Each structure stands twice: as C-alpha cells, then as structure tokens.
C-alpha cells in the first residue's frame, strides 16, 4: 500500500509496477463542499 504521495504513485504506474489501484476519497469537513465535478478520467485496457 502506498499512501500520501501522488508523485510516487504516478511513477509506479509509469513503470508498470502496480497491479491494482484503489482510489479512496474522504469528505472535506468544515466547509460547503459544493457540487462534485470530474476533473479527468482515463480509460485503460485490462488483461484480466
């Protein structure tokens, strides 16, 4: 498990060293969250 480093995760993905990726999103506490919006999405092939 790798947490807290977007740069490290990106490098591991580029090197093909990850076989599974789970994205966990925590709510923001203490302010109005507004509407959720998609920033970017990518479709990749799978060999499952």
Protein backbone atom coordinates (compact mmCIF):
# COMPACT_ATOMS: atom_id res chain seq x y z
CA UNK A 1 0.00 0.00 0.00
CA UNK A 2 1.27 3.47 -0.90
CA UNK A 3 -0.38 6.50 0.68
CA UNK A 4 0.12 10.23 0.55
CA UNK A 5 2.40 10.55 -2.47
CA UNK A 6 0.80 11.25 -5.82
CA UNK A 7 4.22 11.59 -7.44
CA UNK A 8 5.35 8.15 -6.25
CA UNK A 9 2.12 6.50 -7.39
CA UNK A 10 2.43 8.15 -10.83
CA UNK A 11 6.00 6.86 -11.19
CA UNK A 12 4.97 3.34 -10.14
CA UNK A 13 2.15 3.41 -12.71
CA UNK A 14 4.50 4.59 -15.48
CA UNK A 15 6.97 1.82 -14.61
CA UNK A 16 4.21 -0.81 -14.70
CA UNK A 17 4.86 -1.83 -11.09
CA UNK A 18 1.25 -1.63 -9.87
CA UNK A 19 -1.22 -4.44 -10.49
CA UNK A 20 -4.14 -2.82 -8.67
CA UNK A 21 -5.16 0.74 -7.92
CA UNK A 22 -7.80 1.73 -5.38
CA UNK A 23 -8.81 5.35 -5.01
CA UNK A 24 -10.19 6.39 -1.63
CA UNK A 25 -11.84 9.79 -1.33
CA UNK A 26 -12.53 11.36 2.06
CA UNK A 27 -15.08 14.11 2.58
CA UNK A 28 -13.95 17.66 3.32
CA UNK A 29 -15.09 18.67 6.81
CA UNK A 30 -15.85 22.21 7.90
CA UNK A 31 -16.87 23.88 4.66
CA UNK A 32 -19.53 23.71 1.97
CA UNK A 33 -18.36 21.01 -0.45
CA UNK A 34 -20.32 22.35 -3.43
CA UNK A 35 -21.15 20.10 -6.35
CA UNK A 36 -18.76 17.29 -7.19
CA UNK A 37 -17.09 17.62 -10.57
CA UNK A 38 -14.99 15.30 -12.68
CA UNK A 39 -11.54 16.69 -13.27
CA UNK A 40 -10.25 13.97 -15.56
CA UNK A 41 -10.98 10.37 -16.47
CA UNK A 42 -8.92 7.85 -18.39
CA UNK A 43 -9.98 4.53 -19.86
CA UNK A 44 -7.30 1.85 -19.96
CA UNK A 45 -7.20 -1.67 -21.33
CA UNK A 46 -7.25 -4.64 -18.99
CA UNK A 47 -5.72 -8.09 -19.22
CA UNK A 48 -7.93 -9.67 -16.55
